[in-house]
N, C-alpha and C. Protein backbone atom coordinates (compact mmCIF):
# COMPACT_ATOMS: atom_id res chain seq x y z
N MET A 1 0.85 -1.30 0.13
CA MET A 1 0.22 0.07 0.14
C MET A 1 1.11 0.75 -0.31
N SER A 2 0.80 2.31 -1.06
CA SER A 2 1.47 3.32 -0.60
C SER A 2 0.92 4.27 -0.46
N LYS A 3 1.91 5.25 0.10
CA LYS A 3 1.64 6.24 1.77
C LYS A 3 1.38 8.14 1.07
N ASP A 4 0.77 8.16 1.47
CA ASP A 4 0.25 9.65 1.05
C ASP A 4 1.28 10.21 2.38
N ILE A 5 1.13 12.20 2.31
CA ILE A 5 1.34 12.93 3.10
C ILE A 5 1.12 12.24 4.31
N LYS A 6 -0.18 12.13 4.95
CA LYS A 6 -0.79 12.44 5.55
C LYS A 6 -0.29 11.18 6.35
N ASP A 7 0.24 10.04 5.79
CA ASP A 7 1.03 8.54 6.19
C ASP A 7 2.18 9.08 6.62
N ILE A 8 2.54 9.95 5.64
CA ILE A 8 4.82 10.33 6.19
C ILE A 8 4.65 11.29 7.19
N LYS A 9 4.10 11.98 7.43
CA LYS A 9 3.50 13.11 8.68
C LYS A 9 3.34 12.12 9.99
N LYS A 10 2.43 11.39 9.83
CA LYS A 10 2.60 10.50 11.01
C LYS A 10 3.54 9.75 11.12
N ASP A 11 4.16 8.78 9.91
CA ASP A 11 5.76 7.83 10.09
C ASP A 11 6.77 9.07 11.16
N ILE A 12 6.87 9.99 10.18
CA ILE A 12 7.62 11.24 11.12
C ILE A 12 7.69 11.32 12.84
N LEU A 13 6.54 12.34 12.71
CA LEU A 13 6.27 12.26 14.08
C LEU A 13 5.65 11.41 15.10
N ASP A 14 5.42 9.44 14.38
CA ASP A 14 5.47 9.01 15.40
C ASP A 14 7.10 8.47 15.49
N GLN A 15 8.20 8.84 15.10
CA GLN A 15 9.20 8.24 15.42
C GLN A 15 9.67 9.30 15.93
N PHE A 16 9.40 10.52 16.44
CA PHE A 16 10.61 11.40 17.20
C PHE A 16 9.79 11.16 18.32
N ARG A 17 7.94 10.74 18.87
CA ARG A 17 7.32 10.10 19.51
C ARG A 17 8.56 8.52 20.20
N ALA A 18 8.49 8.14 19.32
CA ALA A 18 9.60 6.49 19.47
C ALA A 18 10.93 7.11 20.53
N ILE A 19 11.34 8.25 20.04
CA ILE A 19 12.24 8.08 20.49
C ILE A 19 12.44 9.02 21.85
N GLU A 20 11.20 9.28 22.08
CA GLU A 20 10.84 10.30 23.17
C GLU A 20 10.94 11.58 22.85
N GLY A 21 11.13 12.40 21.78
CA GLY A 21 11.30 13.63 21.10
C GLY A 21 11.02 14.31 22.00
N GLU A 22 12.55 15.21 22.29
CA GLU A 22 12.12 16.81 22.76
C GLU A 22 12.34 18.07 22.20
N GLU A 23 12.21 18.85 22.33
CA GLU A 23 11.99 19.79 21.96
C GLU A 23 13.81 20.65 21.58
N ASN A 24 13.98 20.66 20.15
CA ASN A 24 15.23 20.74 19.38
C ASN A 24 16.15 19.42 19.44
N ASP A 25 15.35 18.48 19.70
CA ASP A 25 15.91 16.81 19.46
C ASP A 25 15.95 16.59 17.28
N THR A 26 16.74 16.37 17.08
CA THR A 26 16.69 16.09 15.79
C THR A 26 17.06 14.46 15.49
N LEU A 27 15.91 14.20 14.42
CA LEU A 27 15.96 13.06 13.95
C LEU A 27 17.32 12.00 13.80
N PRO A 28 17.51 11.22 14.12
CA PRO A 28 19.04 10.21 13.45
C PRO A 28 19.32 9.93 12.06
N ASP A 29 19.89 10.06 11.74
CA ASP A 29 19.94 10.50 9.75
C ASP A 29 20.40 9.17 9.92
N THR A 30 19.88 8.00 10.85
CA THR A 30 20.55 6.69 10.29
C THR A 30 19.21 6.57 9.75
N TRP A 31 18.11 6.95 11.15
CA TRP A 31 16.39 6.26 10.85
C TRP A 31 16.61 6.68 9.24
N LEU A 32 16.84 7.86 8.94
CA LEU A 32 16.34 8.65 7.83
C LEU A 32 17.08 8.18 6.88
N MET A 33 18.04 7.78 6.33
CA MET A 33 18.49 7.21 5.72
C MET A 33 18.50 5.77 5.08
N GLU A 34 18.68 5.20 6.09
CA GLU A 34 18.97 3.66 6.41
C GLU A 34 17.63 2.67 5.93
N GLU A 35 16.57 3.33 7.17
CA GLU A 35 15.54 2.49 7.38
C GLU A 35 14.25 3.12 7.00
N TYR A 36 14.16 4.43 6.75
CA TYR A 36 12.41 5.07 6.08
C TYR A 36 12.48 5.25 4.57
N LEU A 37 13.83 6.13 4.40
CA LEU A 37 14.02 6.72 3.00
C LEU A 37 13.86 5.22 1.94
N PRO A 38 14.80 4.46 1.70
CA PRO A 38 14.62 3.64 1.60
C PRO A 38 13.49 2.93 1.10
N LEU A 39 12.65 2.84 1.81
CA LEU A 39 11.63 1.89 1.46
C LEU A 39 10.90 2.75 1.33
N LEU A 40 10.63 3.96 1.15
CA LEU A 40 9.97 4.77 -0.34
C LEU A 40 9.77 4.57 -1.61
N ASN A 41 8.92 4.42 -2.60
CA ASN A 41 8.81 4.62 -3.66
C ASN A 41 9.32 6.40 -4.24
N PRO A 42 9.44 6.17 -5.91
CA PRO A 42 9.61 7.53 -6.11
C PRO A 42 8.64 9.06 -5.53
N TYR A 43 7.47 7.94 -5.87
CA TYR A 43 6.41 8.88 -6.29
C TYR A 43 6.14 9.25 -4.19
N GLU A 44 6.64 8.01 -3.26
CA GLU A 44 6.53 8.67 -1.69
C GLU A 44 7.33 10.05 -1.37
N LYS A 45 8.86 9.11 -2.40
CA LYS A 45 9.85 10.28 -1.68
C LYS A 45 9.19 11.42 -2.42
N ARG A 46 8.48 12.16 -3.13
CA ARG A 46 8.43 13.13 -3.75
C ARG A 46 7.72 14.08 -2.60
N ASP A 47 6.45 12.88 -2.04
CA ASP A 47 5.73 13.77 -1.17
C ASP A 47 6.33 13.36 0.33
N PHE A 48 7.65 13.24 0.48
CA PHE A 48 8.25 13.15 1.32
C PHE A 48 8.65 14.25 1.59
N GLU A 49 9.12 15.04 1.05
CA GLU A 49 8.99 16.85 0.41
C GLU A 49 8.02 17.71 1.02
N LYS A 50 7.09 16.78 0.19
CA LYS A 50 6.19 17.48 0.46
C LYS A 50 5.41 18.14 2.45
N ALA A 51 5.30 16.58 2.34
CA ALA A 51 5.26 16.42 4.09
C ALA A 51 5.90 17.25 5.24
N ILE A 52 7.45 17.29 4.96
CA ILE A 52 8.42 17.67 5.61
C ILE A 52 7.97 18.85 5.79
N LYS A 53 7.66 19.59 4.51
CA LYS A 53 7.51 21.23 4.57
C LYS A 53 6.06 21.85 5.16
N GLN A 54 4.92 20.84 4.81
CA GLN A 54 3.76 21.06 5.17
C GLN A 54 3.94 20.90 7.19
N LEU A 55 4.61 19.77 7.79
CA LEU A 55 5.17 19.66 9.19
C LEU A 55 6.28 21.32 9.85
N ALA A 56 6.58 21.39 8.67
CA ALA A 56 7.27 22.78 8.60
C ALA A 56 6.35 23.81 9.08
N ALA A 57 5.80 24.29 8.30
CA ALA A 57 4.62 25.41 7.81
C ALA A 57 3.60 25.16 9.00
N ASN A 58 3.66 23.94 9.36
CA ASN A 58 2.32 24.28 10.64
C ASN A 58 3.32 24.41 12.01
N GLY A 59 4.71 24.93 12.26
CA GLY A 59 5.24 24.69 12.96
C GLY A 59 5.93 23.77 13.66
N PHE A 60 5.61 22.47 13.66
CA PHE A 60 5.95 20.81 13.99
C PHE A 60 7.55 20.91 13.97
N VAL A 61 8.25 21.17 13.48
CA VAL A 61 9.29 20.91 13.27
C VAL A 61 9.88 22.33 11.87
N LYS A 62 11.60 21.88 11.91
CA LYS A 62 12.40 22.62 11.98
C LYS A 62 13.22 21.73 10.57
N TYR A 63 13.04 22.40 9.29
CA TYR A 63 13.87 21.45 8.51
C TYR A 63 15.27 22.10 7.46
N LYS A 64 15.86 21.64 7.15
CA LYS A 64 17.17 22.15 6.79
C LYS A 64 17.44 20.79 5.65
N LYS A 65 16.83 20.89 4.26
CA LYS A 65 17.37 20.54 3.30
C LYS A 65 18.76 19.96 2.97
N GLY A 66 19.12 19.25 2.59
CA GLY A 66 20.39 18.58 2.24
C GLY A 66 20.47 17.19 1.74
N ASP A 67 21.56 16.59 1.85
CA ASP A 67 22.04 15.49 1.74
C ASP A 67 21.16 14.42 2.21
N VAL A 68 21.60 14.68 3.25
CA VAL A 68 20.94 14.04 4.18
C VAL A 68 19.66 15.32 4.97
N PRO A 69 18.35 15.02 5.00
CA PRO A 69 17.21 15.88 5.32
C PRO A 69 17.81 15.72 6.85
N LYS A 70 17.44 17.40 7.82
CA LYS A 70 17.65 17.30 9.12
C LYS A 70 16.57 17.67 9.37
N LEU A 71 15.46 16.87 10.32
CA LEU A 71 14.35 17.45 10.98
C LEU A 71 14.78 17.46 12.35
N LYS A 72 14.04 18.53 12.96
CA LYS A 72 14.07 19.15 14.58
C LYS A 72 12.66 19.56 14.74
N LEU A 73 12.15 18.06 15.82
CA LEU A 73 11.19 19.07 16.47
C LEU A 73 11.33 20.09 17.54
N THR A 74 10.22 21.09 17.19
CA THR A 74 10.22 22.17 18.17
C THR A 74 9.06 22.39 18.93
N GLU A 75 8.98 23.38 19.44
CA GLU A 75 8.32 23.02 20.92
C GLU A 75 7.06 22.80 20.27
N LYS A 76 6.12 23.22 20.00
CA LYS A 76 5.25 23.40 19.28
C LYS A 76 4.96 21.83 18.93
N GLY A 77 6.35 21.04 18.16
CA GLY A 77 5.96 19.87 17.96
C GLY A 77 6.37 18.75 19.05
N ALA A 78 6.63 19.04 20.10
CA ALA A 78 7.27 17.85 21.17
C ALA A 78 5.79 18.38 21.90
N ASN A 79 4.45 19.50 22.03
CA ASN A 79 3.90 19.09 22.68
C ASN A 79 2.67 18.58 22.06
N LEU A 80 2.64 18.08 20.62
CA LEU A 80 1.98 17.65 20.58
C LEU A 80 2.08 16.12 20.54
N ILE A 81 3.51 15.56 20.40
CA ILE A 81 3.82 13.72 20.51
C ILE A 81 3.40 13.60 21.98
N HIS A 82 3.25 14.37 23.02
CA HIS A 82 3.59 14.14 24.44
C HIS A 82 2.01 14.12 24.63
């Protein structure tokens, strides 16, 4: 089953929840690059970018694009997952 933007946003927030993320915590690069992104098909990878931008626009994460995307939990995001 293909993941949509909503599923991807949930996966990201669930991963922050799993690591008991607090404000300013960053998702581990290894999780993103080795465990999550390789499982996404090309359409889901495109939606990953959209999902991250939506989470950032809503103030839940800070996003720094690069070879390895950096996702940092904000105070608002930490409040959401706890």
